[in-house]
Amino acid sequence: MTDDDDERMEEELRELDAARPDRPAPRVLPKAGAAADAPPKHSLLIKLLMLGDSGVGKTTLLKRYAEGKFDPMIASTAGVAYETQYVELEGRNIRVDIWDTAGQERFHVITQAYYAGAHGIVLAYDASEAGETSFNNIRYWMNAIREHADAHCVKVLLGNKVDKAPKAISHARGKAVADEYGVGFFETSAKSGANVTEAFHSVARECVLKALAEEGVSVSTESDAEVLAAAATASKGKGKRCAVM
């Protein structure tokens, strides 16, 4: 079997997994706006941190996820930017705060302060011909995560710009590195929107499941009121990795 056959089979398996009927698609809740005086009520707050070299498309990925838009002229982040989404995951209304960090080396000291308290980390590289350096720097970012982030935070690796030809980093290479570090993996395109929502919701869902499991709450049988009551009781006298509202 050739490498092309392997990749084609992996793609078919991913499509089948995404279509499983036992995993309902997350629903994005409306944000506060002219028609609303307050943001949607939520029972959990999770913090996601975006990492990766400058130019891999972190900001365009975030804009695609948060606003459904692609802006090829968007400026690189200087320091840290911030977006909030309200989504329904596992039957719970969740507030997802996403911090977009600058990839330039001169900002690394600043962005390290934002690792603390992150429940999930989205690490991106550029899968196009121009992205070999960003792919090689995955090890640098993984070492930084190990040094500065909570050991229990959820991590996902994104190979972005898969729409851009020629593609230099194959799915197999990206998946191999993700498997080496034991993290999730998606190939994404901020331009077309391919797998962007799925990637963010995947890491957010895992953060929610982990948080509720740590509080001893069954996500399949408890109501929101029972989740809050059980979490409040279980969390007395100890810190929480996920804020229960």
Protein backbone atom coordinates (compact mmCIF):
# COMPACT_ATOMS: atom_id res chain seq x y z
CA MET A 1 0.00 0.00 0.00
CA THR A 2 1.40 3.41 -1.00
CA ASP A 3 1.58 6.55 1.16
CA ASP A 4 -1.24 8.02 -0.94
CA ASP A 5 -3.39 4.96 -0.16
CA ASP A 6 -2.61 5.31 3.55
CA GLU A 7 -3.56 8.98 3.57
CA ARG A 8 -6.74 8.30 1.59
CA MET A 9 -7.77 5.60 4.07
CA GLU A 10 -7.03 7.87 7.05
CA GLU A 11 -9.14 10.62 5.48
CA GLU A 12 -12.07 8.22 4.98
CA LEU A 13 -11.79 7.07 8.60
CA ARG A 14 -11.80 10.67 9.84
CA GLU A 15 -14.91 11.43 7.78
CA LEU A 16 -16.67 8.37 9.17
CA ASP A 17 -15.71 9.31 12.74
CA ALA A 18 -16.96 12.87 12.26
CA ALA A 19 -20.31 11.51 11.05
CA ARG A 20 -20.92 9.28 14.07
CA PRO A 21 -24.50 9.69 15.29
CA ASP A 22 -23.54 9.37 18.97
CA ARG A 23 -21.67 12.67 18.96
CA PRO A 24 -24.03 15.61 18.40
CA ALA A 25 -22.52 18.68 16.78
CA PRO A 26 -21.79 21.48 19.27
CA ARG A 27 -24.11 24.46 18.95
CA VAL A 28 -22.68 27.99 19.00
CA LEU A 29 -24.78 30.23 21.23
CA PRO A 30 -25.48 33.86 20.28
CA LYS A 31 -23.18 36.49 21.74
CA ALA A 32 -24.35 39.55 23.58
CA GLY A 33 -25.29 42.30 21.17
CA ALA A 34 -27.87 44.91 20.36
CA ALA A 35 -30.70 42.49 21.07
CA ALA A 36 -29.29 41.26 24.37
CA ASP A 37 -28.29 43.09 27.55
CA ALA A 38 -26.14 40.25 28.90
CA PRO A 39 -24.14 37.34 27.47
CA PRO A 40 -25.67 33.85 27.55
CA LYS A 41 -25.71 32.13 30.93
CA HIS A 42 -23.03 29.50 31.26
CA SER A 43 -22.18 26.84 33.82
CA LEU A 44 -18.49 26.42 32.93
CA LEU A 45 -15.71 28.76 31.85
CA ILE A 46 -12.68 27.37 30.05
CA LYS A 47 -9.55 29.13 28.85
CA LEU A 48 -7.81 28.13 25.63
CA LEU A 49 -4.38 29.40 24.59
CA MET A 50 -3.17 29.55 20.97
CA LEU A 51 0.54 28.98 20.35
CA GLY A 52 2.84 28.58 17.36
CA ASP A 53 5.34 30.47 15.24
CA SER A 54 4.49 33.84 13.75
CA GLY A 55 2.76 33.49 10.38
CA VAL A 56 1.22 30.05 10.87
CA GLY A 57 -2.28 31.56 10.86
CA LYS A 58 -3.27 31.58 14.53
CA THR A 59 -5.16 34.86 14.26
CA THR A 60 -6.94 33.89 11.03
CA LEU A 61 -7.92 30.56 12.61
CA LEU A 62 -9.38 32.36 15.60
CA LYS A 63 -11.26 34.85 13.42
CA ARG A 64 -12.63 32.02 11.30
CA TYR A 65 -13.83 30.19 14.41
CA ALA A 66 -15.18 33.20 16.30
CA GLU A 67 -16.60 35.23 13.41
CA GLY A 68 -16.81 32.85 10.46
CA LYS A 69 -14.59 35.16 8.41
CA PHE A 70 -11.25 34.94 6.63
CA ASP A 71 -9.09 38.04 6.23
CA PRO A 72 -5.81 37.36 4.40
CA MET A 73 -4.60 40.88 5.22
CA ILE A 74 -5.00 40.58 8.98
CA ALA A 75 -1.96 41.80 10.92
CA SER A 76 0.14 39.51 13.09
CA THR A 77 -0.74 39.64 16.77
CA ALA A 78 1.48 41.91 18.85
CA GLY A 79 1.48 40.54 22.38
CA VAL A 80 -1.87 38.90 23.12
CA ALA A 81 -5.38 39.15 21.61
CA TYR A 82 -8.60 37.73 23.00
CA GLU A 83 -11.94 36.30 21.82
CA THR A 84 -14.91 34.79 23.66
CA GLN A 85 -17.33 32.19 22.33
CA TYR A 86 -20.41 30.67 23.99
CA VAL A 87 -21.09 27.10 22.92
CA GLU A 88 -23.21 24.19 23.99
CA LEU A 89 -21.08 21.10 24.68
CA GLU A 90 -22.22 17.86 26.28
CA GLY A 91 -25.54 19.52 27.07
CA ARG A 92 -23.87 22.38 28.96
CA ASN A 93 -23.63 26.07 28.10
CA ILE A 94 -19.90 26.83 28.05
CA ARG A 95 -18.01 30.11 27.87
CA VAL A 96 -14.77 29.63 25.93
CA ASP A 97 -12.14 32.36 26.35
CA ILE A 98 -9.45 32.05 23.66
CA TRP A 99 -6.13 33.88 23.98
CA ASP A 100 -4.21 34.41 20.73
CA THR A 101 -0.50 34.90 21.43
CA ALA A 102 2.23 36.43 19.29
CA GLY A 103 4.67 33.94 17.81
CA GLN A 104 7.61 36.32 17.45
CA GLU A 105 10.47 35.50 19.81
CA ARG A 106 10.52 39.00 21.32
CA PHE A 107 7.02 38.39 22.72
CA HIS A 108 7.71 34.96 24.24
CA VAL A 109 8.43 36.29 27.73
CA ILE A 110 5.14 38.20 27.69
CA THR A 111 3.06 35.30 26.45
CA GLN A 112 4.51 32.84 28.98
CA ALA A 113 2.45 34.57 31.66
CA TYR A 114 -0.72 33.46 29.86
CA TYR A 115 0.10 29.74 30.11
CA ALA A 116 -1.03 29.75 33.73
CA GLY A 117 -4.61 28.68 34.15
CA ALA A 118 -5.04 27.48 30.57
CA HIS A 119 -7.33 24.45 30.39
CA GLY A 120 -6.45 23.75 26.76
CA ILE A 121 -3.73 24.69 24.27
CA VAL A 122 -4.08 24.91 20.49
CA LEU A 123 -0.63 24.65 18.88
CA ALA A 124 -0.50 25.44 15.16
CA TYR A 125 2.08 25.05 12.41
CA ASP A 126 2.05 25.94 8.70
CA ALA A 127 1.63 22.82 6.55
CA SER A 128 2.49 24.65 3.31
CA GLU A 129 5.87 24.85 1.62
CA ALA A 130 6.77 27.92 3.68
CA GLY A 131 6.04 26.19 6.97
CA GLU A 132 8.87 23.69 7.45
CA THR A 133 10.48 25.85 10.14
CA SER A 134 7.23 26.18 12.07
CA PHE A 135 6.84 22.39 11.93
CA ASN A 136 10.38 21.86 13.22
CA ASN A 137 9.66 24.31 16.05
CA ILE A 138 6.85 22.15 17.44
CA ARG A 139 9.40 20.69 19.86
CA TYR A 140 10.27 24.16 21.14
CA TRP A 141 6.60 24.91 21.82
CA MET A 142 5.97 21.54 23.44
CA ASN A 143 8.92 22.12 25.77
CA ALA A 144 7.54 25.57 26.64
CA ILE A 145 4.13 24.05 27.34
CA ARG A 146 5.69 21.42 29.60
CA GLU A 147 7.63 24.10 31.47
CA HIS A 148 4.94 26.76 31.89
CA ALA A 149 1.48 25.18 31.51
CA ASP A 150 -0.54 22.98 33.83
CA ALA A 151 0.45 19.35 33.39
CA HIS A 152 -3.19 18.35 32.96
CA CYS A 153 -4.13 20.86 30.26
CA VAL A 154 -5.59 19.47 27.03
CA LYS A 155 -3.46 19.93 23.91
CA VAL A 156 -4.21 19.74 20.19
CA LEU A 157 -1.87 20.18 17.22
CA LEU A 158 -3.16 21.89 14.06
CA GLY A 159 -1.55 21.68 10.63
CA ASN A 160 -2.92 24.89 9.11
CA LYS A 161 -2.98 26.21 5.51
CA VAL A 162 -3.64 22.79 4.00
CA ASP A 163 -5.45 24.60 1.17
CA LYS A 164 -2.21 26.24 0.08
CA ALA A 165 -0.23 24.42 -2.62
CA PRO A 166 2.27 22.96 -2.60
CA LYS A 167 1.67 21.20 0.70
CA ALA A 168 5.00 20.36 2.34
CA ILE A 169 3.99 18.69 5.62
CA SER A 170 1.96 15.54 4.97
CA HIS A 171 -0.87 14.40 7.20
CA ALA A 172 1.26 11.40 8.18
CA ARG A 173 4.15 13.61 9.40
CA GLY A 174 1.86 15.84 11.42
CA LYS A 175 -0.01 12.92 12.94
CA ALA A 176 3.27 11.19 13.86
CA VAL A 177 4.43 14.22 15.88
CA ALA A 178 1.02 14.55 17.55
CA ASP A 179 1.13 10.86 18.48
CA GLU A 180 4.66 11.29 19.84
CA TYR A 181 3.39 13.89 22.30
CA GLY A 182 0.06 12.19 22.92
CA VAL A 183 -2.05 15.11 21.68
CA GLY A 184 -4.98 15.50 19.30
CA PHE A 185 -4.40 16.39 15.65
CA PHE A 186 -6.31 18.22 12.92
CA GLU A 187 -5.41 19.57 9.51
CA THR A 188 -7.13 22.93 9.06
CA SER A 189 -7.66 25.77 6.63
CA ALA A 190 -8.61 29.19 7.95
CA LYS A 191 -9.31 30.18 4.34
CA SER A 192 -11.90 27.50 3.60
CA GLY A 193 -12.89 26.85 7.21
CA ALA A 194 -12.04 23.14 6.94
CA ASN A 195 -11.87 21.49 10.38
CA VAL A 196 -11.53 24.83 12.22
CA THR A 197 -14.72 24.60 14.27
CA GLU A 198 -14.18 20.87 14.77
CA ALA A 199 -10.68 21.46 16.15
CA PHE A 200 -11.69 24.15 18.64
CA HIS A 201 -14.76 22.25 19.79
CA SER A 202 -12.72 19.06 20.16
CA VAL A 203 -10.29 20.61 22.63
CA ALA A 204 -13.08 22.53 24.38
CA ARG A 205 -15.16 19.37 24.77
CA GLU A 206 -12.21 17.47 26.24
CA CYS A 207 -11.59 20.32 28.70
CA VAL A 208 -15.25 20.20 29.76
CA LEU A 209 -15.26 16.42 30.19
CA LYS A 210 -12.02 16.53 32.17
CA ALA A 211 -13.27 19.33 34.41
CA LEU A 212 -16.54 17.59 35.18
CA ALA A 213 -14.78 14.26 35.75
CA GLU A 214 -12.41 15.93 38.22
CA GLU A 215 -15.42 17.23 40.12
CA GLY A 216 -16.96 13.74 40.15
CA VAL A 217 -19.91 14.69 37.97
CA SER A 218 -21.38 12.42 35.30
CA VAL A 219 -21.94 14.48 32.16
CA SER A 220 -24.47 12.02 30.79
CA THR A 221 -26.90 11.89 33.72
CA GLU A 222 -26.73 15.15 35.67
CA SER A 223 -28.63 18.34 34.98
CA ASP A 224 -26.89 21.73 34.99
CA ALA A 225 -28.25 22.44 38.48
CA GLU A 226 -26.91 19.11 39.75
CA VAL A 227 -23.55 19.77 38.07
CA LEU A 228 -23.21 23.10 39.85
CA ALA A 229 -24.29 21.70 43.21
CA ALA A 230 -21.98 18.70 43.00
CA ALA A 231 -19.06 20.78 41.75
CA ALA A 232 -19.50 23.34 44.52
CA THR A 233 -19.45 20.60 47.15
CA ALA A 234 -16.51 18.74 45.64
CA SER A 235 -14.39 21.85 45.15
CA LYS A 236 -14.46 23.10 48.73
CA GLY A 237 -10.93 23.46 50.01
CA LYS A 238 -9.20 22.82 46.68
CA GLY A 239 -8.35 24.76 43.54
CA LYS A 240 -10.27 24.23 40.33
CA ARG A 241 -8.74 23.97 36.89
CA CYS A 242 -12.02 24.94 35.28
CA ALA A 243 -14.17 27.75 36.62
CA VAL A 244 -17.67 26.68 37.62
CA MET A 245 -20.02 29.61 37.39
